[in-house]
Amino acid sequence: MSAEYVIRLEDPRQDEVIRMLSALDAYLESLYPPQSNHLLDVEALCAPNIRFFVARRGVDPVGCGALRVEAGYGEAKRMFVVPEARGQNVGRAILRCIEDQAAREGLALMRLETGIHQAAAHALYRSGGYAECAPFGEYRPDPLSVFMEKRLVTR
């Protein structure tokens, strides 16, 4: 039985969060070449148009995700759940927090980019209502990328 977790907006410049982001970077770098990794570093995650969420079980971070607010849409970035917390709906809850924040900010569309080798991420996004779309924003077509979007109900 898993312990409860709490998801909050947090500053990404915390040592334990930086370690979690480094683990995500290492994982992505093991799957894709640099030109196919669209990573936001810790300083970029502190930009005014970023909302960064951390899921914690007690004091320990078990996952994270960010909303990047763009003109007309939100983008999910830096979604990650530590291996020991996977399969416990932490990723789904983080994604829901990102979408809820986007809706509160009046965004009617969520978008994301993920890699072709991340089947669990594809399943999460599809089950959450995301469908494949064309590249958007600064992204260019990449055979290693999957682009997805979902319409939101704004509040």
Protein backbone atom coordinates (compact mmCIF):
# COMPACT_ATOMS: atom_id res chain seq x y z
CA MET A 1 0.00 0.00 0.00
CA SER A 2 1.41 3.38 -0.99
CA ALA A 3 1.50 6.42 1.25
CA GLU A 4 -0.35 9.55 0.18
CA TYR A 5 1.37 12.26 -1.79
CA VAL A 6 0.79 16.00 -2.10
CA ILE A 7 1.35 18.07 -5.24
CA ARG A 8 2.19 21.76 -4.95
CA LEU A 9 3.70 24.60 -6.94
CA GLU A 10 7.33 24.79 -5.84
CA ASP A 11 10.65 26.38 -6.70
CA PRO A 12 12.70 23.94 -8.81
CA ARG A 13 15.98 25.24 -7.29
CA GLN A 14 15.90 22.79 -4.39
CA ASP A 15 18.67 20.21 -4.10
CA GLU A 16 16.35 17.19 -4.00
CA VAL A 17 14.34 18.52 -6.95
CA ILE A 18 17.52 19.21 -8.93
CA ARG A 19 18.60 15.60 -8.28
CA MET A 20 15.23 14.36 -9.58
CA LEU A 21 15.54 16.55 -12.70
CA SER A 22 19.08 15.24 -13.22
CA ALA A 23 17.74 11.68 -13.12
CA LEU A 24 15.14 12.65 -15.75
CA ASP A 25 17.84 14.24 -17.92
CA ALA A 26 20.04 11.13 -17.68
CA TYR A 27 17.10 8.92 -18.64
CA LEU A 28 16.18 11.07 -21.66
CA GLU A 29 19.82 11.40 -22.73
CA SER A 30 20.07 7.59 -22.72
CA LEU A 31 17.13 7.40 -25.16
CA TYR A 32 17.62 10.32 -27.54
CA PRO A 33 20.39 12.39 -29.15
CA PRO A 34 20.83 15.98 -27.89
CA GLN A 35 18.96 17.54 -30.83
CA SER A 36 15.87 15.48 -29.94
CA ASN A 37 15.89 16.40 -26.25
CA HIS A 38 13.94 19.59 -25.56
CA LEU A 39 14.88 20.03 -21.91
CA LEU A 40 14.25 23.10 -19.80
CA ASP A 41 17.05 23.57 -17.28
CA VAL A 42 16.43 24.65 -13.69
CA GLU A 43 16.82 28.36 -14.46
CA ALA A 44 14.39 28.10 -17.40
CA LEU A 45 11.91 26.43 -15.03
CA CYS A 46 12.01 29.63 -12.95
CA ALA A 47 10.84 31.85 -15.82
CA PRO A 48 7.67 33.91 -15.29
CA ASN A 49 5.67 31.78 -17.77
CA ILE A 50 6.45 28.47 -15.98
CA ARG A 51 4.44 26.86 -13.19
CA PHE A 52 6.49 24.03 -11.66
CA PHE A 53 4.77 21.28 -9.66
CA VAL A 54 6.38 18.78 -7.27
CA ALA A 55 4.69 15.68 -5.93
CA ARG A 56 5.94 14.69 -2.49
CA ARG A 57 5.38 11.71 -0.29
CA GLY A 58 6.20 13.20 3.09
CA VAL A 59 9.27 15.35 2.44
CA ASP A 60 10.55 13.23 -0.44
CA PRO A 61 9.89 14.37 -4.02
CA VAL A 62 8.41 11.52 -6.08
CA GLY A 63 7.50 13.38 -9.26
CA CYS A 64 7.33 16.69 -11.05
CA GLY A 65 5.88 18.46 -14.03
CA ALA A 66 5.63 21.98 -15.40
CA LEU A 67 3.17 24.13 -17.26
CA ARG A 68 4.72 26.49 -19.78
CA VAL A 69 2.21 29.26 -20.57
CA GLU A 70 2.40 30.23 -24.24
CA ALA A 71 0.24 32.52 -26.35
CA GLY A 72 -3.01 30.60 -26.71
CA TYR A 73 -1.97 27.31 -25.12
CA GLY A 74 -0.19 25.60 -22.28
CA GLU A 75 2.59 23.08 -22.70
CA ALA A 76 3.31 20.22 -20.30
CA LYS A 77 7.05 19.98 -19.66
CA ARG A 78 9.43 18.01 -17.43
CA MET A 79 6.95 15.29 -16.49
CA PHE A 80 8.71 12.68 -14.35
CA VAL A 81 7.91 10.16 -11.64
CA VAL A 82 10.70 8.39 -9.73
CA PRO A 83 10.82 4.65 -10.50
CA GLU A 84 9.67 3.56 -7.03
CA ALA A 85 6.48 5.67 -7.31
CA ARG A 86 5.46 4.60 -10.81
CA GLY A 87 2.18 2.77 -11.28
CA GLN A 88 0.56 4.69 -8.40
CA ASN A 89 -1.16 7.40 -10.48
CA VAL A 90 1.35 10.09 -9.47
CA GLY A 91 1.96 11.09 -13.11
CA ARG A 92 -1.77 11.25 -13.80
CA ALA A 93 -2.26 13.50 -10.75
CA ILE A 94 0.60 15.81 -11.77
CA LEU A 95 -0.83 16.09 -15.28
CA ARG A 96 -4.26 16.91 -13.81
CA CYS A 97 -2.69 19.69 -11.69
CA ILE A 98 -0.99 21.12 -14.77
CA GLU A 99 -4.24 21.04 -16.74
CA ASP A 100 -6.22 22.58 -13.86
CA GLN A 101 -3.68 25.40 -13.59
CA ALA A 102 -3.85 25.98 -17.35
CA ALA A 103 -7.65 26.14 -17.22
CA ARG A 104 -7.52 28.60 -14.28
CA GLU A 105 -5.26 30.77 -16.40
CA GLY A 106 -7.79 30.74 -19.24
CA LEU A 107 -5.91 28.40 -21.58
CA ALA A 108 -8.20 26.24 -23.70
CA LEU A 109 -5.52 24.01 -25.21
CA MET A 110 -2.74 21.86 -23.76
CA ARG A 111 0.13 20.60 -25.87
CA LEU A 112 3.20 18.48 -25.28
CA GLU A 113 6.15 16.81 -26.93
CA THR A 114 7.42 13.42 -25.86
CA GLY A 115 9.74 10.85 -27.35
CA ILE A 116 8.83 7.78 -29.37
CA HIS A 117 10.53 5.43 -26.88
CA GLN A 118 8.36 6.38 -23.89
CA ALA A 119 5.40 4.01 -24.14
CA ALA A 120 4.23 4.64 -20.58
CA ALA A 121 4.09 8.39 -21.24
CA HIS A 122 2.13 7.82 -24.46
CA ALA A 123 -0.36 5.65 -22.56
CA LEU A 124 -0.74 8.27 -19.81
CA TYR A 125 -1.36 11.08 -22.27
CA ARG A 126 -3.74 9.11 -24.48
CA SER A 127 -5.75 7.94 -21.47
CA GLY A 128 -5.92 11.59 -20.40
CA GLY A 129 -7.52 12.64 -23.67
CA TYR A 130 -4.47 13.74 -25.67
CA ALA A 131 -4.27 13.05 -29.41
CA GLU A 132 -1.34 13.35 -31.79
CA CYS A 133 -0.90 16.67 -33.57
CA ALA A 134 1.60 18.51 -35.74
CA PRO A 135 4.74 20.12 -34.28
CA PHE A 136 4.00 23.45 -32.60
CA GLY A 137 5.86 26.48 -31.26
CA GLU A 138 9.61 26.21 -31.74
CA TYR A 139 9.48 22.45 -32.43
CA ARG A 140 10.34 21.09 -35.84
CA PRO A 141 9.37 17.69 -37.26
CA ASP A 142 11.54 15.00 -35.63
CA PRO A 143 11.15 11.25 -36.21
CA LEU A 144 11.97 10.72 -32.52
CA SER A 145 9.22 13.06 -31.27
CA VAL A 146 5.50 12.64 -30.70
CA PHE A 147 3.43 15.83 -30.46
CA MET A 148 0.07 15.74 -28.69
CA GLU A 149 -2.69 18.13 -27.67
CA LYS A 150 -5.93 18.25 -25.71
CA ARG A 151 -8.74 20.80 -25.49
CA LEU A 152 -9.49 22.02 -21.97
CA VAL A 153 -12.64 23.33 -20.36
CA THR A 154 -11.70 26.77 -19.06
CA ARG A 155 -13.13 28.25 -15.89
